[in-house]
PDB file of N, CA and C in Angstrom:
ATOM      1  N   MET A   1     -21.652-146.950 -89.451  1.00  0.00           N
ATOM      2  CA  MET A   1     -22.532-147.863 -89.874  1.00  0.00           C
ATOM      3  C   MET A   1     -23.392-147.256 -91.118  1.00  0.00           C
ATOM      4  N   SER A   2     -23.372-148.067 -92.241  1.00  0.00           N
ATOM      5  CA  SER A   2     -24.045-147.544 -93.375  1.00  0.00           C
ATOM      6  C   SER A   2     -25.006-148.527 -93.884  1.00  0.00           C
ATOM      7  N   TYR A   3     -25.823-147.983 -94.774  1.00  0.00           N
ATOM      8  CA  TYR A   3     -26.866-148.974 -95.374  1.00  0.00           C
ATOM      9  C   TYR A   3     -26.770-148.930 -96.871  1.00  0.00           C
ATOM     10  N   ILE A   4     -27.555-149.777 -97.435  1.00  0.00           N
ATOM     11  CA  ILE A   4     -27.316-149.869 -98.889  1.00  0.00           C
ATOM     12  C   ILE A   4     -28.723-149.486 -99.644  1.00  0.00           C
ATOM     13  N   CYS A   5     -28.639-148.614-100.638  1.00  0.00           N
ATOM     14  CA  CYS A   5     -29.829-148.142-101.372  1.00  0.00           C
ATOM     15  C   CYS A   5     -30.420-149.329-102.084  1.00  0.00           C
ATOM     16  N   PRO A   6     -31.841-149.551-101.953  1.00  0.00           N
ATOM     17  CA  PRO A   6     -32.418-150.574-102.594  1.00  0.00           C
ATOM     18  C   PRO A   6     -32.626-150.375-104.161  1.00  0.00           C
ATOM     19  N   VAL A   7     -32.357-149.198-104.652  1.00  0.00           N
ATOM     20  CA  VAL A   7     -32.495-148.963-105.997  1.00  0.00           C
ATOM     21  C   VAL A   7     -31.163-149.170-106.738  1.00  0.00           C
ATOM     22  N   CYS A   8     -30.154-148.522-106.295  1.00  0.00           N
ATOM     23  CA  CYS A   8     -28.812-148.418-107.032  1.00  0.00           C
ATOM     24  C   CYS A   8     -27.788-149.180-106.331  1.00  0.00           C
ATOM     25  N   GLY A   9     -27.977-149.637-104.975  1.00  0.00           N
ATOM     26  CA  GLY A   9     -26.936-150.360-104.232  1.00  0.00           C
ATOM     27  C   GLY A   9     -25.891-149.469-103.746  1.00  0.00           C
ATOM     28  N   GLY A  10     -26.036-148.075-103.792  1.00  0.00           N
ATOM     29  CA  GLY A  10     -25.097-147.225-103.298  1.00  0.00           C
ATOM     30  C   GLY A  10     -25.132-147.231-101.707  1.00  0.00           C
ATOM     31  N   ILE A  11     -24.043-146.610-101.121  1.00  0.00           N
ATOM     32  CA  ILE A  11     -23.948-146.562 -99.641  1.00  0.00           C
ATOM     33  C   ILE A  11     -24.654-145.375 -99.144  1.00  0.00           C
ATOM     34  N   ILE A  12     -25.557-145.574 -98.098  1.00  0.00           N
ATOM     35  CA  ILE A  12     -26.076-144.517 -97.437  1.00  0.00           C
ATOM     36  C   ILE A  12     -25.788-144.346 -96.044  1.00  0.00           C
ATOM     37  N   ALA A  13     -25.453-143.225 -95.613  1.00  0.00           N
ATOM     38  CA  ALA A  13     -24.866-142.927 -94.255  1.00  0.00           C
ATOM     39  C   ALA A  13     -26.018-143.158 -93.157  1.00  0.00           C
ATOM     40  N   ASN A  14     -25.522-143.527 -91.934  1.00  0.00           N
ATOM     41  CA  ASN A  14     -26.579-143.577 -90.810  1.00  0.00           C
ATOM     42  C   ASN A  14     -27.349-142.455 -90.537  1.00  0.00           C
ATOM     43  N   TRP A  15     -26.680-141.341 -90.636  1.00  0.00           N
ATOM     44  CA  TRP A  15     -27.331-140.045 -90.171  1.00  0.00           C
ATOM     45  C   TRP A  15     -28.470-139.675 -91.277  1.00  0.00           C
ATOM     46  N   LEU A  16     -28.329-140.143 -92.495  1.00  0.00           N
ATOM     47  CA  LEU A  16     -29.322-139.947 -93.390  1.00  0.00           C
ATOM     48  C   LEU A  16     -30.544-140.918 -93.268  1.00  0.00           C
ATOM     49  N   VAL A  17     -30.273-142.068 -92.876  1.00  0.00           N
ATOM     50  CA  VAL A  17     -31.428-143.053 -92.645  1.00  0.00           C
ATOM     51  C   VAL A  17     -32.316-142.633 -91.505  1.00  0.00           C
ATOM     52  N   LYS A  18     -31.829-141.884 -90.565  1.00  0.00           N
ATOM     53  CA  LYS A  18     -32.618-141.460 -89.378  1.00  0.00           C
ATOM     54  C   LYS A  18     -33.808-140.612 -89.847  1.00  0.00           C
ATOM     55  N   LYS A  19     -33.780-139.954 -91.030  1.00  0.00           N
ATOM     56  CA  LYS A  19     -34.862-139.150 -91.598  1.00  0.00           C
ATOM     57  C   LYS A  19     -35.863-140.216 -92.184  1.00  0.00           C
ATOM     58  N   GLU A  20     -37.124-139.866 -92.111  1.00  0.00           N
ATOM     59  CA  GLU A  20     -38.207-140.707 -92.658  1.00  0.00           C
ATOM     60  C   GLU A  20     -38.226-140.827 -94.081  1.00  0.00           C
ATOM     61  N   HIS A  21     -38.079-139.573 -94.721  1.00  0.00           N
ATOM     62  CA  HIS A  21     -38.125-139.372 -96.163  1.00  0.00           C
ATOM     63  C   HIS A  21     -36.753-138.710 -96.565  1.00  0.00           C
ATOM     64  N   PHE A  22     -36.037-139.241 -97.498  1.00  0.00           N
ATOM     65  CA  PHE A  22     -34.762-138.622 -98.015  1.00  0.00           C
ATOM     66  C   PHE A  22     -34.485-139.165 -99.434  1.00  0.00           C
ATOM     67  N   LYS A  23     -33.494-138.517 -99.983  1.00  0.00           N
ATOM     68  CA  LYS A  23     -33.053-138.917-101.353  1.00  0.00           C
ATOM     69  C   LYS A  23     -31.629-139.590-101.236  1.00  0.00           C
ATOM     70  N   CYS A  24     -31.541-140.670-102.118  1.00  0.00           N
ATOM     71  CA  CYS A  24     -30.244-141.328-102.104  1.00  0.00           C
ATOM     72  C   CYS A  24     -29.179-140.438-102.735  1.00  0.00           C
ATOM     73  N   PRO A  25     -27.981-140.265-102.105  1.00  0.00           N
ATOM     74  CA  PRO A  25     -26.980-139.398-102.526  1.00  0.00           C
ATOM     75  C   PRO A  25     -26.413-139.816-103.937  1.00  0.00           C
ATOM     76  N   ASP A  26     -26.541-141.039-104.413  1.00  0.00           N
ATOM     77  CA  ASP A  26     -26.009-141.367-105.589  1.00  0.00           C
ATOM     78  C   ASP A  26     -27.038-141.333-106.666  1.00  0.00           C
ATOM     79  N   CYS A  27     -28.222-142.029-106.649  1.00  0.00           N
ATOM     80  CA  CYS A  27     -29.178-142.093-107.821  1.00  0.00           C
ATOM     81  C   CYS A  27     -30.260-141.141-107.570  1.00  0.00           C
ATOM     82  N   LYS A  28     -30.294-140.297-106.555  1.00  0.00           N
ATOM     83  CA  LYS A  28     -31.303-139.303-106.147  1.00  0.00           C
ATOM     84  C   LYS A  28     -32.777-139.814-106.183  1.00  0.00           C
ATOM     85  N   SER A  29     -32.959-141.162-105.897  1.00  0.00           N
ATOM     86  CA  SER A  29     -34.372-141.627-105.842  1.00  0.00           C
ATOM     87  C   SER A  29     -34.876-141.361-104.433  1.00  0.00           C
ATOM     88  N   LEU A  30     -36.170-141.140-104.341  1.00  0.00           N
ATOM     89  CA  LEU A  30     -36.839-140.870-103.061  1.00  0.00           C
ATOM     90  C   LEU A  30     -36.870-142.249-102.296  1.00  0.00           C
ATOM     91  N   LEU A  31     -36.552-142.159-101.034  1.00  0.00           N
ATOM     92  CA  LEU A  31     -36.492-143.483-100.191  1.00  0.00           C
ATOM     93  C   LEU A  31     -37.261-143.086 -98.871  1.00  0.00           C
ATOM     94  N   ILE A  32     -37.837-144.146 -98.328  1.00  0.00           N
ATOM     95  CA  ILE A  32     -38.454-144.089 -97.073  1.00  0.00           C
ATOM     96  C   ILE A  32     -37.778-145.073 -96.083  1.00  0.00           C
ATOM     97  N   SER A  33     -37.676-144.500 -94.831  1.00  0.00           N
ATOM     98  CA  SER A  33     -36.977-145.349 -93.747  1.00  0.00           C
ATOM     99  C   SER A  33     -37.972-145.558 -92.627  1.00  0.00           C
ATOM    100  N   ASN A  34     -37.882-146.712 -91.987  1.00  0.00           N
ATOM    101  CA  ASN A  34     -38.732-147.068 -90.874  1.00  0.00           C
ATOM    102  C   ASN A  34     -37.984-146.777 -89.524  1.00  0.00           C
ATOM    103  N   SER A  35     -36.962-145.942 -89.541  1.00  0.00           N
ATOM    104  CA  SER A  35     -36.090-145.858 -88.468  1.00  0.00           C
ATOM    105  C   SER A  35     -36.723-145.346 -87.131  1.00  0.00           C
ATOM    106  N   GLN A  36     -37.736-144.509 -87.173  1.00  0.00           N
ATOM    107  CA  GLN A  36     -38.377-143.910 -86.040  1.00  0.00           C
ATOM    108  C   GLN A  36     -39.048-145.014 -85.344  1.00  0.00           C
ATOM    109  N   LYS A  37     -39.862-145.766 -86.126  1.00  0.00           N
ATOM    110  CA  LYS A  37     -40.725-146.879 -85.630  1.00  0.00           C
ATOM    111  C   LYS A  37     -39.774-147.937 -84.948  1.00  0.00           C
ATOM    112  N   VAL A  38     -38.707-148.262 -85.620  1.00  0.00           N
ATOM    113  CA  VAL A  38     -37.797-149.374 -85.170  1.00  0.00           C
ATOM    114  C   VAL A  38     -37.049-148.771 -83.886  1.00  0.00           C
ATOM    115  N   LEU A  39     -36.759-147.500 -83.892  1.00  0.00           N
ATOM    116  CA  LEU A  39     -36.157-147.009 -82.617  1.00  0.00           C
ATOM    117  C   LEU A  39     -37.052-147.166 -81.317  1.00  0.00           C
ATOM    118  N   LYS A  40     -38.272-146.934 -81.527  1.00  0.00           N
ATOM    119  CA  LYS A  40     -39.181-147.033 -80.516  1.00  0.00           C
ATOM    120  C   LYS A  40     -39.258-148.541 -80.039  1.00  0.00           C
ATOM    121  N   GLN A  41     -39.324-149.376 -80.963  1.00  0.00           N
ATOM    122  CA  GLN A  41     -39.507-150.788 -80.812  1.00  0.00           C
ATOM    123  C   GLN A  41     -38.174-151.260 -80.055  1.00  0.00           C
ATOM    124  N   SER A  42     -37.025-150.826 -80.469  1.00  0.00           N
ATOM    125  CA  SER A  42     -35.741-151.402 -79.855  1.00  0.00           C
ATOM    126  C   SER A  42     -35.676-150.910 -78.464  1.00  0.00           C
ATOM    127  N   LEU A  43     -36.331-149.730 -78.014  1.00  0.00           N
ATOM    128  CA  LEU A  43     -36.292-149.314 -76.565  1.00  0.00           C
ATOM    129  C   LEU A  43     -37.107-150.193 -75.828  1.00  0.00           C
ATOM    130  N   ILE A  44     -38.388-150.696 -76.380  1.00  0.00           N
ATOM    131  CA  ILE A  44     -39.229-151.561 -75.767  1.00  0.00           C
ATOM    132  C   ILE A  44     -38.532-152.886 -75.542  1.00  0.00           C
ATOM    133  N   VAL A  45     -37.673-153.415 -76.587  1.00  0.00           N
ATOM    134  CA  VAL A  45     -36.960-154.638 -76.514  1.00  0.00           C
ATOM    135  C   VAL A  45     -35.962-154.616 -75.371  1.00  0.00           C
ATOM    136  N   ALA A  46     -35.230-153.422 -75.296  1.00  0.00           N
ATOM    137  CA  ALA A  46     -34.252-153.145 -74.211  1.00  0.00           C
ATOM    138  C   ALA A  46     -34.854-153.159 -72.888  1.00  0.00           C
ATOM    139  N   ILE A  47     -36.017-152.619 -72.653  1.00  0.00           N
ATOM    140  CA  ILE A  47     -36.667-152.659 -71.335  1.00  0.00           C
ATOM    141  C   ILE A  47     -37.114-154.077 -71.050  1.00  0.00           C
ATOM    142  N   ILE A  48     -37.694-154.803 -72.024  1.00  0.00           N
ATOM    143  CA  ILE A  48     -38.050-156.164 -71.692  1.00  0.00           C
ATOM    144  C   ILE A  48     -36.905-157.059 -71.240  1.00  0.00           C
ATOM    145  N   VAL A  49     -35.758-156.863 -72.050  1.00  0.00           N
ATOM    146  CA  VAL A  49     -34.525-157.643 -71.702  1.00  0.00           C
ATOM    147  C   VAL A  49     -33.936-157.353 -70.323  1.00  0.00           C
ATOM    148  N   TRP A  50     -34.086-156.072 -69.993  1.00  0.00           N
ATOM    149  CA  TRP A  50     -33.607-155.632 -68.646  1.00  0.00           C
ATOM    150  C   TRP A  50     -34.493-156.224 -67.507  1.00  0.00           C
ATOM    151  N   LEU A  51     -35.844-156.106 -67.793  1.00  0.00           N
ATOM    152  CA  LEU A  51     -36.675-156.727 -66.750  1.00  0.00           C
ATOM    153  C   LEU A  51     -36.658-158.264 -66.588  1.00  0.00           C
ATOM    154  N   LEU A  52     -36.341-158.947 -67.831  1.00  0.00           N
ATOM    155  CA  LEU A  52     -35.992-160.473 -67.637  1.00  0.00           C
ATOM    156  C   LEU A  52     -34.767-160.675 -66.954  1.00  0.00           C
ATOM    157  N   ILE A  53     -33.789-159.912 -67.197  1.00  0.00           N
ATOM    158  CA  ILE A  53     -32.585-160.137 -66.310  1.00  0.00           C
ATOM    159  C   ILE A  53     -32.777-159.780 -64.863  1.00  0.00           C
ATOM    160  N   LEU A  54     -33.520-158.762 -64.588  1.00  0.00           N
ATOM    161  CA  LEU A  54     -33.799-158.427 -63.086  1.00  0.00           C
ATOM    162  C   LEU A  54     -34.620-159.472 -62.514  1.00  0.00           C
ATOM    163  N   ILE A  55     -35.598-160.005 -63.153  1.00  0.00           N
ATOM    164  CA  ILE A  55     -36.327-161.145 -62.620  1.00  0.00           C
ATOM    165  C   ILE A  55     -35.664-162.501 -62.534  1.00  0.00           C
ATOM    166  N   GLY A  56     -34.818-162.675 -63.460  1.00  0.00           N
ATOM    167  CA  GLY A  56     -34.096-163.911 -63.499  1.00  0.00           C
ATOM    168  C   GLY A  56     -33.001-163.937 -62.357  1.00  0.00           C
ATOM    169  N   VAL A  57     -32.239-162.839 -62.158  1.00  0.00           N
ATOM    170  CA  VAL A  57     -31.276-162.692 -61.161  1.00  0.00           C
ATOM    171  C   VAL A  57     -31.911-162.729 -59.831  1.00  0.00           C
ATOM    172  N   GLN A  58     -33.177-162.110 -59.512  1.00  0.00           N
ATOM    173  CA  GLN A  58     -33.811-162.196 -58.377  1.00  0.00           C
ATOM    174  C   GLN A  58     -34.292-163.584 -58.156  1.00  0.00           C
ATOM    175  N   HIS A  59     -34.754-164.381 -59.018  1.00  0.00           N
ATOM    176  CA  HIS A  59     -35.231-165.644 -58.818  1.00  0.00           C
ATOM    177  C   HIS A  59     -34.072-166.663 -58.418  1.00  0.00           C
ATOM    178  N   TYR A  60     -32.926-166.391 -59.081  1.00  0.00           N
ATOM    179  CA  TYR A  60     -31.609-167.073 -58.856  1.00  0.00           C
ATOM    180  C   TYR A  60     -31.027-166.868 -57.379  1.00  0.00           C
ATOM    181  N   SER A  61     -31.039-165.490 -57.029  1.00  0.00           N
ATOM    182  CA  SER A  61     -30.337-165.214 -55.850  1.00  0.00           C
ATOM    183  C   SER A  61     -31.185-164.957 -54.649  1.00  0.00           C
ATOM    184  N   ASP A  62     -32.541-164.853 -54.857  1.00  0.00           N
ATOM    185  CA  ASP A  62     -33.432-164.549 -53.744  1.00  0.00           C
ATOM    186  C   ASP A  62     -33.236-163.218 -53.035  1.00  0.00           C
ATOM    187  N   SER A  63     -32.570-162.285 -53.790  1.00  0.00           N
ATOM    188  CA  SER A  63     -32.372-160.990 -53.141  1.00  0.00           C
ATOM    189  C   SER A  63     -32.540-159.897 -54.192  1.00  0.00           C
ATOM    190  N   TRP A  64     -33.567-159.046 -53.762  1.00  0.00           N
ATOM    191  CA  TRP A  64     -33.931-157.953 -54.774  1.00  0.00           C
ATOM    192  C   TRP A  64     -32.825-156.856 -54.810  1.00  0.00           C
ATOM    193  N   GLY A  65     -32.091-156.617 -53.687  1.00  0.00           N
ATOM    194  CA  GLY A  65     -30.933-155.650 -53.712  1.00  0.00           C
ATOM    195  C   GLY A  65     -29.886-156.288 -54.647  1.00  0.00           C
ATOM    196  N   TYR A  66     -29.421-157.430 -54.585  1.00  0.00           N
ATOM    197  CA  TYR A  66     -28.447-157.975 -55.494  1.00  0.00           C
ATOM    198  C   TYR A  66     -28.848-157.925 -57.003  1.00  0.00           C
ATOM    199  N   ALA A  67     -30.132-158.370 -57.187  1.00  0.00           N
ATOM    200  CA  ALA A  67     -30.789-158.482 -58.562  1.00  0.00           C
ATOM    201  C   ALA A  67     -30.817-157.015 -59.124  1.00  0.00           C
ATOM    202  N   THR A  68     -31.062-156.043 -58.293  1.00  0.00           N
ATOM    203  CA  THR A  68     -31.101-154.604 -58.731  1.00  0.00           C
ATOM    204  C   THR A  68     -29.681-154.212 -59.299  1.00  0.00           C
ATOM    205  N   VAL A  69     -28.662-154.498 -58.393  1.00  0.00           N
ATOM    206  CA  VAL A  69     -27.293-154.074 -58.759  1.00  0.00           C
ATOM    207  C   VAL A  69     -26.866-154.765 -59.944  1.00  0.00           C
ATOM    208  N   VAL A  70     -27.039-156.047 -60.075  1.00  0.00           N
ATOM    209  CA  VAL A  70     -26.526-156.870 -61.316  1.00  0.00           C
ATOM    210  C   VAL A  70     -27.477-156.382 -62.529  1.00  0.00           C
ATOM    211  N   SER A  71     -28.656-156.102 -62.485  1.00  0.00           N
ATOM    212  CA  SER A  71     -29.455-155.723 -63.480  1.00  0.00           C
ATOM    213  C   SER A  71     -29.042-154.413 -63.974  1.00  0.00           C
ATOM    214  N   ILE A  72     -28.640-153.458 -63.118  1.00  0.00           N
ATOM    215  CA  ILE A  72     -28.159-152.130 -63.545  1.00  0.00           C
ATOM    216  C   ILE A  72     -26.969-152.207 -64.234  1.00  0.00           C
ATOM    217  N   GLU A  73     -25.980-153.093 -63.678  1.00  0.00           N
ATOM    218  CA  GLU A  73     -24.752-153.121 -64.346  1.00  0.00           C
ATOM    219  C   GLU A  73     -24.732-154.025 -65.747  1.00  0.00           C
ATOM    220  N   ALA A  74     -24.883-155.363 -65.530  1.00  0.00           N
ATOM    221  CA  ALA A  74     -24.830-156.178 -66.592  1.00  0.00           C
ATOM    222  C   ALA A  74     -25.960-156.142 -67.424  1.00  0.00           C
ATOM    223  N   GLY A  75     -27.349-155.902 -66.883  1.00  0.00           N
ATOM    224  CA  GLY A  75     -28.485-155.874 -67.558  1.00  0.00           C
ATOM    225  C   GLY A  75     -28.639-154.653 -68.356  1.00  0.00           C
ATOM    226  N   GLY A  76     -28.020-153.508 -67.917  1.00  0.00           N
ATOM    227  CA  GLY A  76     -28.085-152.335 -68.789  1.00  0.00           C
ATOM    228  C   GLY A  76     -27.199-152.500 -70.014  1.00  0.00           C
ATOM    229  N   ILE A  77     -26.031-153.046 -69.777  1.00  0.00           N
ATOM    230  CA  ILE A  77     -25.074-153.292 -70.981  1.00  0.00           C
ATOM    231  C   ILE A  77     -25.597-154.191 -71.900  1.00  0.00           C
ATOM    232  N   LEU A  78     -26.091-155.266 -71.484  1.00  0.00           N
ATOM    233  CA  LEU A  78     -26.693-156.371 -72.372  1.00  0.00           C
ATOM    234  C   LEU A  78     -27.948-155.822 -72.973  1.00  0.00           C
ATOM    235  N   SER A  79     -28.853-155.020 -72.357  1.00  0.00           N
ATOM    236  CA  SER A  79     -29.973-154.590 -72.924  1.00  0.00           C
ATOM    237  C   SER A  79     -29.703-153.553 -74.054  1.00  0.00           C
ATOM    238  N   ALA A  80     -28.627-152.748 -73.893  1.00  0.00           N
ATOM    239  CA  ALA A  80     -28.186-151.768 -74.891  1.00  0.00           C
ATOM    240  C   ALA A  80     -27.619-152.465 -76.119  1.00  0.00           C
ATOM    241  N   MET A  81     -26.983-153.513 -75.818  1.00  0.00           N
ATOM    242  CA  MET A  81     -26.461-154.329 -76.998  1.00  0.00           C
ATOM    243  C   MET A  81     -27.479-154.988 -77.855  1.00  0.00           C
ATOM    244  N   VAL A  82     -28.435-155.591 -77.171  1.00  0.00           N
ATOM    245  CA  VAL A  82     -29.608-156.296 -77.879  1.00  0.00           C
ATOM    246  C   VAL A  82     -30.398-155.251 -78.545  1.00  0.00           C
ATOM    247  N   ALA A  83     -30.644-154.107 -78.004  1.00  0.00           N
ATOM    248  CA  ALA A  83     -31.440-153.053 -78.653  1.00  0.00           C
ATOM    249  C   ALA A  83     -30.759-152.544 -79.955  1.00  0.00           C
ATOM    250  N   ALA A  84     -29.466-152.309 -79.856  1.00  0.00           N
ATOM    251  CA  ALA A  84     -28.693-151.878 -81.014  1.00  0.00           C
ATOM    252  C   ALA A  84     -28.694-152.971 -82.072  1.00  0.00           C
ATOM    253  N   LEU A  85     -28.620-154.171 -81.733  1.00  0.00           N
ATOM    254  CA  LEU A  85     -28.585-155.343 -82.703  1.00  0.00           C
ATOM    255  C   LEU A  85     -30.006-155.335 -83.329  1.00  0.00           C
ATOM    256  N   TYR A  86     -31.041-155.240 -82.505  1.00  0.00           N
ATOM    257  CA  TYR A  86     -32.407-155.240 -83.088  1.00  0.00           C
ATOM    258  C   TYR A  86     -32.611-154.083 -84.044  1.00  0.00           C
ATOM    259  N   TYR A  87     -32.102-152.969 -83.599  1.00  0.00           N
ATOM    260  CA  TYR A  87     -32.308-151.802 -84.519  1.00  0.00           C
ATOM    261  C   TYR A  87     -31.541-151.977 -85.989  1.00  0.00           C
ATOM    262  N   ARG A  88     -30.397-152.475 -85.821  1.00  0.00           N
ATOM    263  CA  ARG A  88     -29.628-152.783 -87.040  1.00  0.00           C
ATOM    264  C   ARG A  88     -30.272-153.785 -87.933  1.00  0.00           C
ATOM    265  N   LEU A  89     -30.835-154.747 -87.381  1.00  0.00           N
ATOM    266  CA  LEU A  89     -31.356-155.917 -88.212  1.00  0.00           C
ATOM    267  C   LEU A  89     -32.809-155.668 -88.677  1.00  0.00           C
ATOM    268  N   VAL A  90     -33.624-154.805 -88.119  1.00  0.00           N
ATOM    269  CA  VAL A  90     -34.866-154.599 -88.482  1.00  0.00           C
ATOM    270  C   VAL A  90     -35.160-153.292 -89.286  1.00  0.00           C
ATOM    271  N   ILE A  91     -34.268-152.470 -89.384  1.00  0.00           N
ATOM    272  CA  ILE A  91     -34.419-151.229 -90.082  1.00  0.00           C
ATOM    273  C   ILE A  91     -34.510-151.675 -91.598  1.00  0.00           C
ATOM    274  N   ARG A  92     -35.390-150.977 -92.347  1.00  0.00           N
ATOM    275  CA  ARG A  92     -35.558-151.198 -93.831  1.00  0.00           C
ATOM    276  C   ARG A  92     -35.750-149.854 -94.566  1.00  0.00           C
ATOM    277  N   LEU A  93     -35.242-149.924 -95.863  1.00  0.00           N
ATOM    278  CA  LEU A  93     -35.314-148.804 -96.681  1.00  0.00           C
ATOM    279  C   LEU A  93     -36.163-149.305 -97.862  1.00  0.00           C
ATOM    280  N   LYS A  94     -37.114-148.390 -98.319  1.00  0.00           N
ATOM    281  CA  LYS A  94     -37.884-148.648 -99.498  1.00  0.00           C
ATOM    282  C   LYS A  94     -37.908-147.397-100.330  1.00  0.00           C
ATOM    283  N   GLU A  95     -38.104-147.741-101.664  1.00  0.00           N
ATOM    284  CA  GLU A  95     -38.300-146.631-102.681  1.00  0.00           C
ATOM    285  C   GLU A  95     -39.705-146.116-102.503  1.00  0.00           C
ATOM    286  N   GLN A  96     -39.853-144.795-102.515  1.00  0.00           N
ATOM    287  CA  GLN A  96     -41.185-144.151-102.279  1.00  0.00           C
ATOM    288  C   GLN A  96     -41.882-144.204-103.612  1.00  0.00           C
ATOM    289  N   SER A  97     -43.124-144.792-103.545  1.00  0.00           N
ATOM    290  CA  SER A  97     -43.889-144.792-104.810  1.00  0.00           C
ATOM    291  C   SER A  97     -44.302-143.377-105.200  1.00  0.00           C
ATOM    292  N   LYS A  98     -44.226-143.200-106.501  1.00  0.00           N
ATOM    293  CA  LYS A  98     -44.511-141.887-107.069  1.00  0.00           C
ATOM    294  C   LYS A  98     -45.956-141.792-107.437  1.00  0.00           C
ATOM    295  N   GLN A  99     -46.606-140.632-106.717  1.00  0.00           N
ATOM    296  CA  GLN A  99     -48.089-140.447-107.043  1.00  0.00           C
ATOM    297  C   GLN A  99     -48.178-139.337-108.117  1.00  0.00           C
ATOM    298  N   LEU A 100     -49.120-139.631-108.991  1.00  0.00           N
ATOM    299  CA  LEU A 100     -49.224-138.753-110.155  1.00  0.00           C
ATOM    300  C   LEU A 100     -50.542-137.834-109.921  1.00  0.00           C
TER     301      LEU A 100
END
């Protein structure tokens, strides 16, 4: 997975975007990433999705045991997919303003 530099349009690797402050490999401009904040938000989204699946399956089946098993299996996979999609869509790169 790679990202696009907002200044030059160059490709930036995922491992570099995980840092809060970094330089673009192509144009050397200073960039800011919101990846740490978005990572925490995506974990919250995953927990909410998992809980909604747990409650929904329990309401449908009237069994906490069955709901727990289904939410661990299917809910865990779906929650991870939604969290990864949220992370990918919400992460932003900005050019750092230069202070004199």
